[in-house]
Amino acid sequence: MMAVEQQSVMQRMFARKTIAQVQRESANSELKRSLGKWNLLLLGVGCIIGAGIFVRTGSAAALHAGPAVMLSFVVAGIVCAFAGLCYAELSSTLPVSGSAYTYSYTTLGEFVAWIMGALLLLEYGLAASVVAVGWSGYVVSLLADFGLVIPPQFTGPTGHAVMRDGVPLIVDGTAVTAIFNLPAFAICMSLALLLMVGVSESAKVNNIIVAIKVSVLAAFILVGGYLVLTNLPELVAKNWTPFIPENTGDGEFGVDGIMRAASIVFFAYIGFEAVSTAGQEAKDPKRDMPFGIIGSLIVCTVIYMLVAAIMTLLVPYGTLNVPDPVAVVVDSFGAQWAWLAKTIKVGAIIGLTSVVLVLMYAQTRIFYTMARDGLLPKIFSKVHPKFHTPYINTILVGTITAVAAGFFDINVLGDMTSVGTLAAFAIVCLSVIYLRRAAPDLPRGFSVPLYPVVPILGILSCLYLITTVPYNVLIFFIYFLAAAIVLYFVYGMRNSNLQHDQSMDDAPDMGEFPGPVVD
């Protein structure tokens, strides 16, 4: 204790785990190494597809970029490539549970690791809420196809107008105002209970769900592409002219709107980062982690481009400001394709269910790792004696995501998620630079090409996209970080295992945690 008291505040804030310690924790883990490179790639594809195509693409096109949302995907994809290459190097060098949080702890120190943990709450926890809102939209649309109507007041964010086909829903001459998004709240709480009792996706089940989503999107691309090609000149003149709508304000169309939309669709790429949380379950992390991260990013970028093109050609982009934009497009195919519309909605619902589960699982892993390090109360690493899951941790994550999904607007949630994600990615890029300088001889299964240009561009591009989000979101982000910093000095620094020279090897282990891809 005396040694701790003699250290300066700055020394304590930037105390780091040693690389040997992190690697020892990885070696001592009881998590089963059962995931091959294709399992990891499919995990990333599964998360990326559900989180983006089915949910956020519509509002990015409708409110900010128009048909030029395709260019927004290019911009976001390039930024993600910078961050993805940095993640690949770190995950192949430090293949441990905890993802970017652990990378930060090892390179930039405890205080930065704490901030990273807070950012990952935005990245995973609120992302799960965003996808849950999208899930709600597709469920409401599918039930309506069968004549089952959920009262619209219980299908949207509190105090907001309920939207249908991009315009407010009018009943008896009055716009309907939402009270609460019941389906979104219910799916979050239900999946939290499943994770708590140990009902999990196996690698095989996850692969099946990914296959369903890819098949559904393939059908959408094939049928939508056929309809586009048979009416291409007319559709281009009607919906793609102009391709880049004239700027009408800050972040509204034009080049400015394309960049604003890039910060929105950036949300859609967090799936490749989720792959890194499975570092202790990869069979050969040095080889398989980079393959899973970069491979899933490339595959999904191509799919995004195709789907965005079809969506904005088949319907006016202004109608896509809804939680379920793909449903809006497939409903426009015509009566003869009604069966396909229902099939695509079912596939979207199945896929989005998987994504919410994966994101909530990843968030519980972050909290679990932080609790083992002493930065969060030990109760968050407490494992249920029967289910072998961090059940209190899981209940907390489920409650946070459910409340956010039930009460808040999808665009606000998405923007907050994007800011947290971009800030986390910038720190990861900085971590690569530090580790190259501090430990140049450390064995690396994958090295960032064109170093240091790529990580520097990653930092600058992430910071630039953060500046494009609305002012009120930036203010929330500042308050959120301020609260996180206060909590660190009040609790984290005082209870850190590292500060008190406590070995974490004896901390409770959750064993074979039933995450989304445990075989």
Protein backbone atom coordinates (compact mmCIF):
# COMPACT_ATOMS: atom_id res chain seq x y z
CA MET A 1 0.00 0.00 0.00
CA MET A 2 2.85 2.37 0.83
CA ALA A 3 4.26 1.94 -2.67
CA VAL A 4 0.90 2.98 -4.10
CA GLU A 5 0.74 6.09 -1.88
CA GLN A 6 4.26 7.15 -2.91
CA GLN A 7 3.39 7.08 -6.59
CA SER A 8 2.28 10.32 -8.21
CA VAL A 9 -1.22 10.59 -9.64
CA MET A 10 0.22 10.67 -13.15
CA GLN A 11 2.24 7.51 -12.55
CA ARG A 12 -0.86 5.73 -11.30
CA MET A 13 -3.02 6.98 -14.18
CA PHE A 14 -0.62 5.69 -16.81
CA ALA A 15 0.44 2.47 -15.12
CA ARG A 16 0.42 -0.32 -17.68
CA LYS A 17 -0.01 -4.04 -17.71
CA THR A 18 3.11 -5.70 -19.00
CA ILE A 19 2.91 -7.60 -22.24
CA ALA A 20 4.06 -10.70 -20.37
CA GLN A 21 1.21 -10.30 -17.89
CA VAL A 22 -1.39 -9.98 -20.63
CA GLN A 23 -0.03 -13.00 -22.45
CA ARG A 24 0.01 -14.96 -19.17
CA GLU A 25 -3.64 -14.08 -18.57
CA SER A 26 -4.40 -15.35 -22.05
CA ALA A 27 -2.49 -18.58 -21.47
CA ASN A 28 -4.23 -19.19 -18.13
CA SER A 29 -7.70 -18.62 -19.48
CA GLU A 30 -10.07 -21.56 -19.42
CA LEU A 31 -11.96 -20.33 -22.46
CA LYS A 32 -12.13 -22.97 -25.14
CA ARG A 33 -10.08 -22.27 -28.28
CA SER A 34 -12.59 -23.53 -30.81
CA LEU A 35 -12.85 -20.80 -33.45
CA GLY A 36 -11.16 -21.07 -36.83
CA LYS A 37 -10.60 -18.25 -39.31
CA TRP A 38 -13.89 -18.86 -41.12
CA ASN A 39 -15.82 -18.81 -37.83
CA LEU A 40 -14.25 -15.45 -37.06
CA LEU A 41 -14.97 -14.07 -40.53
CA LEU A 42 -18.60 -15.17 -40.28
CA LEU A 43 -18.87 -13.65 -36.81
CA GLY A 44 -17.75 -10.33 -38.26
CA VAL A 45 -19.97 -10.62 -41.34
CA GLY A 46 -22.93 -11.50 -39.14
CA CYS A 47 -22.50 -8.45 -36.93
CA ILE A 48 -21.71 -5.98 -39.72
CA ILE A 49 -24.59 -7.00 -41.96
CA GLY A 50 -27.25 -6.81 -39.30
CA ALA A 51 -26.02 -3.59 -37.74
CA GLY A 52 -25.89 -1.61 -40.97
CA ILE A 53 -27.77 -2.67 -44.05
CA PHE A 54 -31.04 -3.38 -42.31
CA VAL A 55 -31.04 -0.31 -40.04
CA ARG A 56 -28.90 2.80 -40.60
CA THR A 57 -28.50 3.04 -44.36
CA GLY A 58 -31.96 4.51 -44.83
CA SER A 59 -31.63 7.52 -42.54
CA ALA A 60 -28.15 8.30 -43.89
CA ALA A 61 -29.59 8.50 -47.41
CA ALA A 62 -32.85 10.23 -46.51
CA LEU A 63 -31.45 12.95 -44.28
CA HIS A 64 -27.90 13.57 -45.47
CA ALA A 65 -26.53 12.05 -48.68
CA GLY A 66 -29.33 10.92 -50.99
CA PRO A 67 -28.16 8.42 -53.63
CA ALA A 68 -24.58 9.54 -52.89
CA VAL A 69 -24.76 7.48 -49.69
CA MET A 70 -22.78 5.00 -51.77
CA LEU A 71 -19.86 7.45 -51.63
CA SER A 72 -20.36 7.68 -47.87
CA PHE A 73 -19.79 3.94 -47.67
CA VAL A 74 -16.55 4.39 -49.60
CA VAL A 75 -15.36 7.05 -47.16
CA ALA A 76 -16.39 5.02 -44.11
CA GLY A 77 -14.85 1.89 -45.60
CA ILE A 78 -11.50 3.62 -46.08
CA VAL A 79 -11.51 4.90 -42.50
CA CYS A 80 -12.46 1.43 -41.29
CA ALA A 81 -9.62 -0.08 -43.30
CA PHE A 82 -7.12 2.10 -41.44
CA ALA A 83 -8.58 1.11 -38.08
CA GLY A 84 -9.05 -2.51 -39.14
CA LEU A 85 -5.39 -2.91 -40.05
CA CYS A 86 -4.43 -1.53 -36.64
CA TYR A 87 -6.86 -3.89 -34.92
CA ALA A 88 -5.41 -6.79 -36.90
CA GLU A 89 -1.88 -6.02 -35.67
CA LEU A 90 -2.93 -5.62 -32.05
CA SER A 91 -5.18 -8.69 -32.04
CA SER A 92 -2.42 -10.83 -33.52
CA THR A 93 0.07 -9.50 -30.97
CA LEU A 94 -2.16 -9.46 -27.87
CA PRO A 95 -4.83 -12.13 -28.49
CA VAL A 96 -6.81 -11.65 -25.29
CA SER A 97 -10.36 -11.09 -24.14
CA GLY A 98 -11.22 -7.45 -23.61
CA SER A 99 -10.46 -6.20 -27.09
CA ALA A 100 -9.44 -2.52 -27.39
CA TYR A 101 -9.71 -2.10 -23.63
CA THR A 102 -6.87 -4.56 -23.05
CA TYR A 103 -4.84 -3.11 -25.92
CA SER A 104 -5.06 0.32 -24.29
CA TYR A 105 -4.16 -1.03 -20.85
CA THR A 106 -1.00 -2.61 -22.24
CA THR A 107 0.13 0.34 -24.33
CA LEU A 108 -1.22 3.70 -23.16
CA GLY A 109 -1.98 2.89 -19.53
CA GLU A 110 -4.81 2.43 -17.08
CA PHE A 111 -6.52 5.80 -17.45
CA VAL A 112 -6.77 5.45 -21.23
CA ALA A 113 -7.98 1.87 -20.76
CA TRP A 114 -10.75 3.16 -18.48
CA ILE A 115 -11.77 5.74 -21.10
CA MET A 116 -11.73 2.99 -23.71
CA GLY A 117 -14.04 0.90 -21.53
CA ALA A 118 -16.45 3.84 -21.39
CA LEU A 119 -16.28 4.29 -25.16
CA LEU A 120 -16.99 0.62 -25.69
CA LEU A 121 -20.20 1.03 -23.70
CA LEU A 122 -21.31 3.44 -26.41
CA GLU A 123 -19.97 1.19 -29.13
CA TYR A 124 -21.51 -2.09 -28.00
CA GLY A 125 -24.28 -1.24 -25.54
CA LEU A 126 -25.92 1.54 -27.53
CA ALA A 127 -25.27 -0.26 -30.82
CA ALA A 128 -27.36 -3.15 -29.47
CA SER A 129 -30.10 -0.61 -28.74
CA VAL A 130 -29.94 0.78 -32.28
CA VAL A 131 -30.25 -2.68 -33.81
CA ALA A 132 -33.09 -3.52 -31.40
CA VAL A 133 -35.01 -0.48 -32.68
CA GLY A 134 -34.43 -1.72 -36.23
CA TRP A 135 -35.60 -5.18 -35.17
CA SER A 136 -38.78 -3.59 -33.82
CA GLY A 137 -39.43 -1.85 -37.14
CA TYR A 138 -39.19 -5.09 -39.13
CA VAL A 139 -41.38 -6.98 -36.63
CA VAL A 140 -44.06 -4.28 -36.80
CA SER A 141 -43.92 -4.32 -40.62
CA LEU A 142 -44.10 -8.14 -40.84
CA LEU A 143 -46.98 -8.40 -38.38
CA ALA A 144 -48.87 -5.76 -40.37
CA ASP A 145 -48.51 -7.96 -43.48
CA PHE A 146 -50.54 -10.59 -41.62
CA GLY A 147 -53.10 -8.13 -40.29
CA LEU A 148 -51.63 -7.92 -36.79
CA VAL A 149 -51.17 -4.31 -35.73
CA ILE A 150 -49.26 -3.21 -32.62
CA PRO A 151 -50.66 0.13 -31.39
CA PRO A 152 -48.34 2.67 -33.06
CA GLN A 153 -47.90 4.57 -29.79
CA PHE A 154 -45.86 1.59 -28.57
CA THR A 155 -43.57 1.30 -31.60
CA GLY A 156 -41.41 4.42 -31.41
CA PRO A 157 -39.21 6.62 -29.20
CA THR A 158 -40.86 8.62 -26.45
CA GLY A 159 -42.27 11.96 -27.61
CA HIS A 160 -41.41 11.47 -31.29
CA ALA A 161 -43.81 11.24 -34.21
CA VAL A 162 -44.36 7.67 -35.39
CA MET A 163 -42.98 7.38 -38.93
CA ARG A 164 -44.41 5.33 -41.78
CA ASP A 165 -42.71 5.38 -45.21
CA GLY A 166 -40.60 8.33 -44.15
CA VAL A 167 -43.49 10.58 -43.11
CA PRO A 168 -45.37 11.02 -39.80
CA LEU A 169 -48.27 8.62 -39.29
CA ILE A 170 -51.60 10.48 -39.28
CA VAL A 171 -54.65 9.05 -37.50
CA ASP A 172 -57.93 11.01 -37.44
CA GLY A 173 -56.10 14.07 -38.71
CA THR A 174 -53.48 14.04 -35.94
CA ALA A 175 -49.87 12.91 -36.03
CA VAL A 176 -49.33 9.93 -33.73
CA THR A 177 -46.80 10.53 -30.96
CA ALA A 178 -44.96 7.52 -29.56
CA ILE A 179 -45.00 6.65 -25.87
CA PHE A 180 -42.57 3.76 -25.80
CA ASN A 181 -40.95 1.23 -28.17
CA LEU A 182 -42.25 -1.95 -26.59
CA PRO A 183 -40.88 -4.51 -29.11
CA ALA A 184 -37.34 -3.03 -28.91
CA PHE A 185 -37.41 -3.08 -25.10
CA ALA A 186 -38.74 -6.63 -25.03
CA ILE A 187 -36.12 -8.11 -27.37
CA CYS A 188 -33.24 -6.64 -25.33
CA MET A 189 -34.54 -7.99 -22.04
CA SER A 190 -35.35 -11.39 -23.56
CA LEU A 191 -31.87 -11.81 -25.02
CA ALA A 192 -30.28 -10.70 -21.75
CA LEU A 193 -32.16 -13.51 -20.00
CA LEU A 194 -30.97 -15.99 -22.64
CA LEU A 195 -27.36 -14.92 -22.16
CA MET A 196 -27.74 -15.05 -18.40
CA VAL A 197 -28.98 -18.65 -18.28
CA GLY A 198 -26.43 -19.81 -20.84
CA VAL A 199 -28.59 -20.25 -23.92
CA SER A 200 -26.11 -19.20 -26.56
CA GLU A 201 -25.38 -19.37 -30.22
CA SER A 202 -22.93 -22.10 -31.13
CA ALA A 203 -20.53 -21.57 -34.01
CA LYS A 204 -22.78 -23.75 -36.17
CA VAL A 205 -25.93 -21.83 -35.28
CA ASN A 206 -24.16 -18.52 -35.90
CA ASN A 207 -23.01 -19.77 -39.29
CA ILE A 208 -26.59 -20.74 -40.16
CA ILE A 209 -27.90 -17.32 -39.17
CA VAL A 210 -25.22 -15.61 -41.24
CA ALA A 211 -26.14 -17.87 -44.17
CA ILE A 212 -29.80 -16.85 -43.80
CA LYS A 213 -28.94 -13.15 -43.79
CA VAL A 214 -26.59 -13.42 -46.74
CA SER A 215 -29.17 -15.48 -48.67
CA VAL A 216 -31.89 -12.93 -47.93
CA LEU A 217 -29.65 -10.08 -49.08
CA ALA A 218 -28.65 -12.07 -52.15
CA ALA A 219 -32.34 -12.47 -53.00
CA PHE A 220 -32.86 -8.75 -52.42
CA ILE A 221 -29.90 -7.90 -54.66
CA LEU A 222 -30.96 -10.33 -57.40
CA VAL A 223 -34.63 -9.35 -57.53
CA GLY A 224 -33.97 -5.69 -56.84
CA GLY A 225 -31.16 -5.70 -59.38
CA TYR A 226 -33.47 -7.27 -61.98
CA LEU A 227 -36.11 -4.60 -61.37
CA VAL A 228 -33.46 -1.90 -61.58
CA LEU A 229 -31.92 -3.17 -64.80
CA THR A 230 -35.29 -3.52 -66.52
CA ASN A 231 -36.16 0.09 -65.74
CA LEU A 232 -32.72 1.64 -65.35
CA PRO A 233 -33.04 4.84 -67.45
CA GLU A 234 -36.39 5.70 -65.89
CA LEU A 235 -35.20 4.99 -62.34
CA VAL A 236 -31.98 6.97 -62.76
CA ALA A 237 -33.92 9.94 -64.06
CA LYS A 238 -36.49 9.67 -61.29
CA ASN A 239 -34.44 8.79 -58.19
CA TRP A 240 -30.77 9.39 -59.03
CA THR A 241 -31.04 12.82 -60.62
CA PRO A 242 -29.17 14.53 -59.16
CA PHE A 243 -26.95 11.80 -57.73
CA ILE A 244 -25.55 14.28 -55.21
CA PRO A 245 -28.46 16.49 -54.08
CA GLU A 246 -27.77 20.18 -53.62
CA ASN A 247 -26.66 21.18 -50.14
CA THR A 248 -29.52 22.58 -48.06
CA GLY A 249 -27.73 23.17 -44.76
CA ASP A 250 -25.05 21.91 -42.41
CA GLY A 251 -24.63 18.19 -43.09
CA GLU A 252 -27.65 18.11 -45.39
CA PHE A 253 -26.70 16.77 -48.83
CA GLY A 254 -23.90 17.92 -51.09
CA VAL A 255 -20.32 16.95 -50.22
CA ASP A 256 -20.95 18.03 -46.63
CA GLY A 257 -23.88 15.62 -46.45
CA ILE A 258 -21.79 12.76 -47.85
CA MET A 259 -19.27 13.20 -45.05
CA ARG A 260 -22.02 13.48 -42.44
CA ALA A 261 -23.58 10.27 -43.75
CA ALA A 262 -20.15 8.61 -43.57
CA SER A 263 -20.14 9.15 -39.80
CA ILE A 264 -23.58 7.51 -39.66
CA VAL A 265 -22.81 4.45 -41.76
CA PHE A 266 -19.51 4.07 -39.91
CA PHE A 267 -21.71 2.58 -37.21
CA ALA A 268 -22.36 -0.29 -39.58
CA TYR A 269 -18.75 -1.47 -39.52
CA ILE A 270 -18.32 -2.21 -35.83
CA GLY A 271 -18.72 -5.91 -36.50
CA PHE A 272 -15.08 -6.45 -37.49
CA GLU A 273 -14.02 -5.01 -34.12
CA ALA A 274 -16.29 -7.48 -32.32
CA VAL A 275 -14.13 -10.24 -33.78
CA SER A 276 -11.24 -9.09 -31.59
CA THR A 277 -13.24 -9.82 -28.41
CA ALA A 278 -12.93 -13.52 -29.28
CA GLY A 279 -9.13 -13.48 -29.11
CA GLN A 280 -8.97 -16.12 -26.38
CA GLU A 281 -11.24 -18.46 -28.32
CA ALA A 282 -9.38 -18.41 -31.65
CA LYS A 283 -7.49 -21.57 -32.56
CA ASP A 284 -4.58 -19.66 -34.11
CA PRO A 285 -5.07 -15.97 -33.24
CA LYS A 286 -1.91 -14.73 -34.93
CA ARG A 287 -3.17 -16.05 -38.26
CA ASP A 288 -6.92 -16.18 -37.85
CA MET A 289 -7.70 -12.83 -36.21
CA PRO A 290 -6.39 -10.62 -39.05
CA PHE A 291 -8.17 -12.86 -41.56
CA GLY A 292 -11.48 -12.52 -39.71
CA ILE A 293 -11.20 -8.76 -39.22
CA ILE A 294 -10.04 -7.66 -42.67
CA GLY A 295 -12.01 -10.34 -44.53
CA SER A 296 -15.33 -9.46 -42.93
CA LEU A 297 -14.71 -5.77 -43.62
CA ILE A 298 -14.10 -6.36 -47.34
CA VAL A 299 -17.04 -8.71 -47.83
CA CYS A 300 -19.52 -6.42 -46.12
CA THR A 301 -18.36 -3.26 -47.86
CA VAL A 302 -19.14 -4.84 -51.24
CA ILE A 303 -22.58 -5.96 -50.04
CA TYR A 304 -23.33 -2.50 -48.65
CA MET A 305 -22.55 -0.81 -51.94
CA LEU A 306 -24.86 -3.10 -53.90
CA VAL A 307 -27.76 -2.81 -51.48
CA ALA A 308 -27.46 0.99 -51.18
CA ALA A 309 -27.55 1.34 -54.96
CA ILE A 310 -30.69 -0.77 -55.29
CA MET A 311 -32.45 0.94 -52.39
CA THR A 312 -31.93 4.47 -53.67
CA LEU A 313 -32.83 3.53 -57.26
CA LEU A 314 -36.09 1.73 -56.47
CA VAL A 315 -37.62 4.25 -54.04
CA PRO A 316 -37.17 8.00 -53.46
CA TYR A 317 -34.44 8.37 -50.85
CA GLY A 318 -36.65 10.65 -48.74
CA THR A 319 -38.89 7.68 -47.83
CA LEU A 320 -36.04 5.78 -46.19
CA ASN A 321 -35.90 7.64 -42.86
CA VAL A 322 -37.38 4.66 -40.99
CA PRO A 323 -35.97 1.91 -38.74
CA ASP A 324 -36.72 -0.70 -41.44
CA PRO A 325 -35.58 0.77 -44.80
CA VAL A 326 -35.15 -2.60 -46.53
CA ALA A 327 -38.77 -3.42 -45.69
CA VAL A 328 -39.86 -0.17 -47.35
CA VAL A 329 -37.96 -1.11 -50.51
CA VAL A 330 -39.18 -4.72 -50.76
CA ASP A 331 -42.77 -3.55 -50.28
CA SER A 332 -42.26 -1.50 -53.45
CA PHE A 333 -41.43 -4.59 -55.52
CA GLY A 334 -45.11 -5.14 -56.28
CA ALA A 335 -47.85 -7.58 -55.31
CA GLN A 336 -46.24 -10.43 -57.25
CA TRP A 337 -43.24 -10.23 -54.92
CA ALA A 338 -45.23 -10.11 -51.65
CA TRP A 339 -43.92 -13.55 -50.66
CA LEU A 340 -40.35 -12.35 -51.09
CA ALA A 341 -41.06 -9.25 -49.02
CA LYS A 342 -42.25 -11.43 -46.15
CA THR A 343 -39.26 -13.74 -46.52
CA ILE A 344 -36.79 -10.85 -46.45
CA LYS A 345 -38.44 -9.38 -43.36
CA VAL A 346 -38.24 -12.74 -41.58
CA GLY A 347 -34.57 -13.01 -42.53
CA ALA A 348 -33.93 -9.49 -41.27
CA ILE A 349 -35.61 -10.26 -37.95
CA ILE A 350 -33.58 -13.45 -37.48
CA GLY A 351 -30.39 -11.65 -38.42
CA LEU A 352 -31.00 -8.64 -36.21
CA THR A 353 -31.79 -10.91 -33.28
CA SER A 354 -28.36 -12.47 -33.73
CA VAL A 355 -26.69 -9.06 -33.90
CA VAL A 356 -28.30 -7.76 -30.70
CA LEU A 357 -27.12 -10.93 -28.97
CA VAL A 358 -23.55 -10.62 -30.29
CA LEU A 359 -23.29 -6.96 -29.27
CA MET A 360 -24.69 -7.57 -25.79
CA TYR A 361 -22.32 -10.51 -25.38
CA ALA A 362 -19.36 -8.35 -26.37
CA GLN A 363 -20.39 -5.66 -23.87
CA THR A 364 -20.60 -8.20 -21.05
CA ARG A 365 -17.09 -9.35 -21.94
CA ILE A 366 -15.75 -5.81 -21.59
CA PHE A 367 -17.41 -5.32 -18.20
CA TYR A 368 -16.22 -8.76 -17.07
CA THR A 369 -12.61 -8.01 -17.97
CA MET A 370 -12.71 -4.58 -16.31
CA ALA A 371 -14.17 -6.12 -13.14
CA ARG A 372 -11.39 -8.72 -13.05
CA ASP A 373 -8.92 -5.85 -13.26
CA GLY A 374 -10.57 -4.15 -10.28
CA LEU A 375 -11.70 -1.12 -12.29
CA LEU A 376 -15.36 -2.09 -11.85
CA PRO A 377 -16.91 -3.71 -8.76
CA LYS A 378 -16.05 -7.40 -8.47
CA ILE A 379 -19.74 -8.23 -8.59
CA PHE A 380 -19.62 -7.68 -12.37
CA SER A 381 -17.22 -10.62 -12.69
CA LYS A 382 -19.30 -12.81 -10.40
CA VAL A 383 -20.19 -16.06 -12.17
CA HIS A 384 -23.45 -17.89 -11.60
CA PRO A 385 -22.72 -21.25 -9.92
CA LYS A 386 -25.14 -23.13 -12.17
CA PHE A 387 -25.13 -21.27 -15.49
CA HIS A 388 -21.43 -20.25 -15.42
CA THR A 389 -22.22 -16.80 -16.79
CA PRO A 390 -21.55 -13.31 -15.36
CA TYR A 391 -25.24 -12.96 -14.62
CA ILE A 392 -25.32 -9.65 -12.73
CA ASN A 393 -23.18 -8.07 -15.42
CA THR A 394 -25.56 -9.44 -18.08
CA ILE A 395 -28.66 -8.12 -16.31
CA LEU A 396 -27.10 -4.65 -16.17
CA VAL A 397 -26.19 -4.69 -19.87
CA GLY A 398 -29.67 -5.91 -20.79
CA THR A 399 -31.34 -3.18 -18.75
CA ILE A 400 -29.18 -0.39 -20.21
CA THR A 401 -29.75 -1.50 -23.80
CA ALA A 402 -33.49 -2.10 -23.26
CA VAL A 403 -34.12 1.33 -21.71
CA ALA A 404 -32.15 3.08 -24.46
CA ALA A 405 -33.98 1.15 -27.20
CA GLY A 406 -37.38 1.73 -25.62
CA PHE A 407 -37.16 5.48 -25.03
CA PHE A 408 -34.65 7.05 -27.45
CA ASP A 409 -34.68 7.90 -31.15
CA ILE A 410 -32.68 5.60 -33.43
CA ASN A 411 -30.81 8.49 -35.07
CA VAL A 412 -29.65 9.91 -31.72
CA LEU A 413 -28.61 6.45 -30.51
CA GLY A 414 -26.79 5.79 -33.77
CA ASP A 415 -24.90 9.08 -33.64
CA MET A 416 -23.79 8.44 -30.05
CA THR A 417 -22.65 4.97 -31.04
CA SER A 418 -20.68 6.33 -33.99
CA VAL A 419 -18.89 8.94 -31.87
CA GLY A 420 -17.90 6.35 -29.28
CA THR A 421 -16.74 3.96 -31.97
CA LEU A 422 -14.70 6.58 -33.83
CA ALA A 423 -12.98 7.71 -30.63
CA ALA A 424 -12.20 4.11 -29.69
CA PHE A 425 -10.76 3.41 -33.14
CA ALA A 426 -8.54 6.49 -32.92
CA ILE A 427 -7.12 5.23 -29.61
CA VAL A 428 -6.46 1.81 -31.16
CA CYS A 429 -4.49 3.44 -33.99
CA LEU A 430 -2.50 5.41 -31.40
CA SER A 431 -1.84 2.18 -29.48
CA VAL A 432 -0.18 0.66 -32.54
CA ILE A 433 2.17 3.64 -32.80
CA TYR A 434 3.08 3.41 -29.13
CA LEU A 435 3.67 -0.35 -29.18
CA ARG A 436 5.87 -0.12 -32.26
CA ARG A 437 8.08 2.38 -30.45
CA ALA A 438 8.01 0.74 -27.00
CA ALA A 439 8.36 -2.88 -28.12
CA PRO A 440 9.71 -2.95 -31.69
CA ASP A 441 10.96 -6.55 -31.38
CA LEU A 442 7.69 -7.99 -30.08
CA PRO A 443 6.56 -10.91 -32.29
CA ARG A 444 3.66 -9.82 -34.48
CA GLY A 445 1.52 -12.20 -36.48
CA PHE A 446 0.43 -9.26 -38.62
CA SER A 447 2.03 -5.85 -39.13
CA VAL A 448 0.29 -2.70 -40.36
CA PRO A 449 1.59 -1.87 -43.85
CA LEU A 450 2.96 1.60 -44.67
CA TYR A 451 3.64 2.30 -41.00
CA PRO A 452 3.29 4.98 -39.60
CA VAL A 453 1.16 6.47 -42.38
CA VAL A 454 -1.80 4.10 -41.92
CA PRO A 455 -2.29 4.56 -38.16
CA ILE A 456 -1.80 8.33 -38.43
CA LEU A 457 -4.40 8.52 -41.21
CA GLY A 458 -6.65 6.35 -39.06
CA ILE A 459 -6.43 8.79 -36.14
CA LEU A 460 -6.97 11.89 -38.29
CA SER A 461 -9.87 10.45 -40.28
CA CYS A 462 -11.68 9.22 -37.14
CA LEU A 463 -11.31 12.61 -35.47
CA TYR A 464 -12.59 14.34 -38.61
CA LEU A 465 -15.73 12.22 -38.81
CA ILE A 466 -16.43 12.94 -35.12
CA THR A 467 -16.62 16.66 -35.99
CA THR A 468 -19.43 15.99 -38.50
CA VAL A 469 -21.98 14.75 -35.93
CA PRO A 470 -24.65 17.12 -34.51
CA TYR A 471 -23.63 19.58 -31.82
CA ASN A 472 -26.00 18.14 -29.21
CA VAL A 473 -24.42 14.70 -29.62
CA LEU A 474 -20.95 16.14 -29.13
CA ILE A 475 -22.15 17.89 -25.95
CA PHE A 476 -23.55 14.58 -24.65
CA PHE A 477 -20.26 12.91 -25.49
CA ILE A 478 -18.29 15.51 -23.52
CA TYR A 479 -20.53 15.08 -20.47
CA PHE A 480 -20.31 11.30 -20.79
CA LEU A 481 -16.50 11.41 -20.82
CA ALA A 482 -16.47 13.84 -17.90
CA ALA A 483 -18.63 11.47 -15.84
CA ALA A 484 -16.38 8.55 -16.80
CA ILE A 485 -13.28 10.47 -15.67
CA VAL A 486 -14.87 11.31 -12.31
CA LEU A 487 -15.76 7.64 -11.78
CA TYR A 488 -12.18 6.63 -12.52
CA PHE A 489 -10.77 8.84 -9.76
CA VAL A 490 -13.56 7.99 -7.34
CA TYR A 491 -13.52 4.22 -7.85
CA GLY A 492 -11.25 2.85 -10.58
CA MET A 493 -7.89 4.20 -9.44
CA ARG A 494 -8.60 3.32 -5.80
CA ASN A 495 -9.52 -0.29 -6.51
CA SER A 496 -7.33 -1.24 -9.45
CA ASN A 497 -5.54 -4.56 -9.04
CA LEU A 498 -2.57 -3.16 -10.93
CA GLN A 499 -2.24 -0.22 -8.54
CA HIS A 500 -2.11 -2.59 -5.57
CA ASP A 501 0.20 -5.13 -7.21
CA GLN A 502 -2.48 -7.80 -7.02
CA SER A 503 -2.20 -10.75 -9.34
CA MET A 504 -5.28 -11.22 -11.45
CA ASP A 505 -4.54 -14.84 -12.13
CA ASP A 506 -6.64 -15.78 -9.08
CA ALA A 507 -9.64 -13.69 -10.15
CA PRO A 508 -12.80 -15.69 -10.83
CA ASP A 509 -12.93 -17.20 -14.28
CA MET A 510 -16.21 -17.69 -16.07
CA GLY A 511 -14.93 -20.83 -17.74
CA GLU A 512 -16.48 -21.55 -21.10
CA PHE A 513 -18.61 -18.42 -21.28
CA PRO A 514 -21.57 -19.08 -23.57
CA GLY A 515 -20.84 -16.38 -26.09
CA PRO A 516 -22.22 -16.18 -29.58
CA VAL A 517 -19.76 -18.51 -31.25
CA VAL A 518 -18.64 -21.09 -28.68
CA ASP A 519 -18.56 -24.47 -30.38
